[in-house]
Amino acid sequence: MRFGFLTISAVILASPLFAQADRPVYKVDFLIRDGGEPAKPAARYSVLTEGDTRTFFRGNTRAPYTVPPAASSGKPPQVNFTDIGFTLDCEVRETAGKVTLTLKADFTLADMSRANQPPLVTHVTLNVRPSLTLGKPGVIASLDDPVAARKLDFEALVTKLN
């Protein structure tokens, strides 16, 4: 999977081996859940970061899709591509057992299951600063998308590693 190398790179570069001794290290998990289908697996993105340090993480994929020709054209189907993926820019600051997560995020999701139609692409930009309890997930944003007829919940979980 294309995201594997990016995940491993982000984990290695932010691992405690590279961390400064006086700064705590946190694991930040981001989950995107389909609120309308709770049993459906969530998309998960994780990154390690030092406290009070900006961390940047990006992963993108070009996904092919087929567009059928007009019935009377006699032309073959056309293959196009859409970019899907994410960009996360975050910083964790801890105060008295609570953490403030400064987050700028872009997510582009595509519904590729629509038969004989181009995918339905959803692009979400978040710029939030929630206060979370260490070790407990929290919903940081929610989106009811009437066009795609779905609800998306964006969750964050911050875990202190040292």
Protein backbone atom coordinates (compact mmCIF):
# COMPACT_ATOMS: atom_id res chain seq x y z
CA MET A 1 0.00 0.00 0.00
CA ARG A 2 1.32 3.45 -0.85
CA PHE A 3 0.65 4.90 2.62
CA GLY A 4 2.89 2.28 4.26
CA PHE A 5 6.17 4.01 3.44
CA LEU A 6 4.83 7.40 4.55
CA THR A 7 3.57 6.00 7.84
CA ILE A 8 6.86 4.25 8.56
CA SER A 9 8.86 7.36 7.63
CA ALA A 10 6.79 9.60 9.90
CA VAL A 11 7.09 7.12 12.77
CA ILE A 12 10.86 6.73 12.39
CA LEU A 13 11.56 10.45 12.09
CA ALA A 14 9.41 11.30 15.08
CA SER A 15 10.45 8.31 17.22
CA PRO A 16 11.87 8.77 20.71
CA LEU A 17 15.36 8.00 19.37
CA PHE A 18 15.29 11.35 17.55
CA ALA A 19 13.38 13.23 20.25
CA GLN A 20 14.96 15.77 22.56
CA ALA A 21 15.26 14.40 26.11
CA ASP A 22 13.28 17.26 27.69
CA ARG A 23 10.21 17.01 25.42
CA PRO A 24 7.47 14.39 25.75
CA VAL A 25 6.54 12.29 22.72
CA TYR A 26 2.91 11.78 21.72
CA LYS A 27 1.15 9.47 19.30
CA VAL A 28 -1.75 11.22 17.57
CA ASP A 29 -4.37 9.00 15.88
CA PHE A 30 -6.89 10.54 13.49
CA LEU A 31 -9.95 8.49 12.53
CA ILE A 32 -12.60 9.25 9.93
CA ARG A 33 -15.76 7.27 10.64
CA ASP A 34 -18.84 6.92 8.50
CA GLY A 35 -21.46 8.03 11.02
CA GLY A 36 -24.23 6.37 9.04
CA GLU A 37 -22.47 2.97 9.11
CA PRO A 38 -20.78 2.54 12.51
CA ALA A 39 -19.76 -1.05 11.71
CA LYS A 40 -17.75 0.10 8.69
CA PRO A 41 -13.98 0.31 9.40
CA ALA A 42 -12.62 3.81 9.98
CA ALA A 43 -9.84 5.39 7.94
CA ARG A 44 -6.93 5.82 10.38
CA TYR A 45 -3.90 8.08 10.22
CA SER A 46 -1.23 8.10 12.95
CA VAL A 47 1.81 10.22 13.59
CA LEU A 48 4.35 10.59 16.41
CA THR A 49 5.29 14.08 17.52
CA GLU A 50 7.19 15.84 20.26
CA GLY A 51 5.26 18.20 22.50
CA ASP A 52 5.13 21.81 21.27
CA THR A 53 6.53 20.77 17.88
CA ARG A 54 4.73 21.18 14.56
CA THR A 55 4.41 17.88 12.68
CA PHE A 56 3.46 17.57 9.00
CA PHE A 57 2.22 14.36 7.35
CA ARG A 58 0.89 13.85 3.81
CA GLY A 59 -0.31 10.89 1.74
CA ASN A 60 -2.00 10.91 -1.65
CA THR A 61 -3.09 8.37 -4.24
CA ARG A 62 -4.20 8.82 -7.85
CA ALA A 63 -7.21 6.54 -8.32
CA PRO A 64 -8.37 5.58 -11.82
CA TYR A 65 -12.03 5.53 -12.82
CA THR A 66 -13.83 4.82 -16.09
CA VAL A 67 -16.25 7.20 -17.75
CA PRO A 68 -18.61 5.49 -20.19
CA PRO A 69 -19.10 7.20 -23.55
CA ALA A 70 -22.42 8.55 -24.75
CA ALA A 71 -24.55 5.67 -26.03
CA SER A 72 -24.54 6.91 -29.63
CA SER A 73 -20.84 7.90 -29.85
CA GLY A 74 -19.38 4.44 -30.49
CA LYS A 75 -16.21 5.46 -28.60
CA PRO A 76 -14.54 3.27 -25.97
CA PRO A 77 -14.79 4.19 -22.28
CA GLN A 78 -12.35 6.88 -21.11
CA VAL A 79 -10.07 6.38 -18.10
CA ASN A 80 -9.58 9.42 -15.87
CA PHE A 81 -7.89 9.87 -12.50
CA THR A 82 -8.80 11.61 -9.25
CA ASP A 83 -6.47 12.49 -6.39
CA ILE A 84 -7.49 11.23 -2.97
CA GLY A 85 -5.58 11.51 0.28
CA PHE A 86 -4.80 13.67 3.27
CA THR A 87 -2.55 16.38 4.69
CA LEU A 88 -2.14 16.73 8.45
CA ASP A 89 -0.35 19.57 10.20
CA CYS A 90 -0.56 19.27 13.98
CA GLU A 91 0.97 20.35 17.28
CA VAL A 92 0.31 18.96 20.76
CA ARG A 93 0.58 21.05 23.94
CA GLU A 94 -0.09 19.43 27.34
CA THR A 95 -1.38 21.28 30.40
CA ALA A 96 -2.58 19.54 33.59
CA GLY A 97 -3.51 16.20 31.98
CA LYS A 98 -5.32 17.83 29.06
CA VAL A 99 -3.87 18.39 25.62
CA THR A 100 -4.58 21.11 23.14
CA LEU A 101 -4.30 19.80 19.61
CA THR A 102 -3.69 22.50 17.03
CA LEU A 103 -4.73 20.85 13.75
CA LYS A 104 -4.89 21.92 10.13
CA ALA A 105 -6.05 19.06 7.95
CA ASP A 106 -7.24 18.42 4.40
CA PHE A 107 -8.95 15.16 3.45
CA THR A 108 -10.10 14.20 -0.03
CA LEU A 109 -12.33 11.13 -0.12
CA ALA A 110 -13.89 9.53 -3.19
CA ASP A 111 -16.88 7.22 -3.54
CA MET A 112 -15.71 4.95 -6.37
CA SER A 113 -18.72 2.59 -6.13
CA ARG A 114 -21.09 4.56 -8.38
CA ALA A 115 -21.74 2.38 -11.45
CA ASN A 116 -21.11 4.05 -14.82
CA GLN A 117 -20.53 7.46 -13.23
CA PRO A 118 -17.48 9.43 -12.17
CA PRO A 119 -16.66 9.15 -8.46
CA LEU A 120 -18.28 11.48 -5.99
CA VAL A 121 -15.39 13.41 -4.42
CA THR A 122 -15.63 15.00 -0.97
CA HIS A 123 -12.97 17.49 0.15
CA VAL A 124 -12.86 18.56 3.80
CA THR A 125 -10.59 21.19 5.35
CA LEU A 126 -10.32 21.40 9.14
CA ASN A 127 -8.64 24.15 11.13
CA VAL A 128 -9.43 23.33 14.76
CA ARG A 129 -7.92 23.58 18.22
CA PRO A 130 -9.77 21.14 20.50
CA SER A 131 -8.91 20.38 24.11
CA LEU A 132 -8.74 16.60 24.63
CA THR A 133 -8.14 14.24 27.54
CA LEU A 134 -4.97 12.18 27.14
CA GLY A 135 -5.74 8.60 26.09
CA LYS A 136 -9.43 9.23 25.30
CA PRO A 137 -10.76 9.68 21.76
CA GLY A 138 -12.84 12.74 21.01
CA VAL A 139 -14.90 13.89 18.04
CA ILE A 140 -13.22 17.06 16.76
CA ALA A 141 -15.50 17.68 13.77
CA SER A 142 -18.56 16.21 12.11
CA LEU A 143 -19.92 16.64 8.59
CA ASP A 144 -23.39 15.84 7.25
CA ASP A 145 -22.88 15.64 3.48
CA PRO A 146 -26.30 15.81 1.74
CA VAL A 147 -24.81 15.32 -1.73
CA ALA A 148 -23.04 12.07 -0.83
CA ALA A 149 -25.85 11.18 1.63
CA ARG A 150 -23.44 10.35 4.44
CA LYS A 151 -22.23 11.63 7.79
CA LEU A 152 -18.51 11.77 8.57
CA ASP A 153 -17.11 11.99 12.10
CA PHE A 154 -13.51 13.09 12.58
CA GLU A 155 -11.96 11.78 15.79
CA ALA A 156 -8.58 12.36 17.44
CA LEU A 157 -6.81 10.36 20.13
CA VAL A 158 -3.62 11.64 21.76
CA THR A 159 -1.47 9.16 23.71
CA LYS A 160 1.62 10.15 25.68
CA LEU A 161 4.50 7.73 25.03
CA ASN A 162 7.06 8.99 27.57
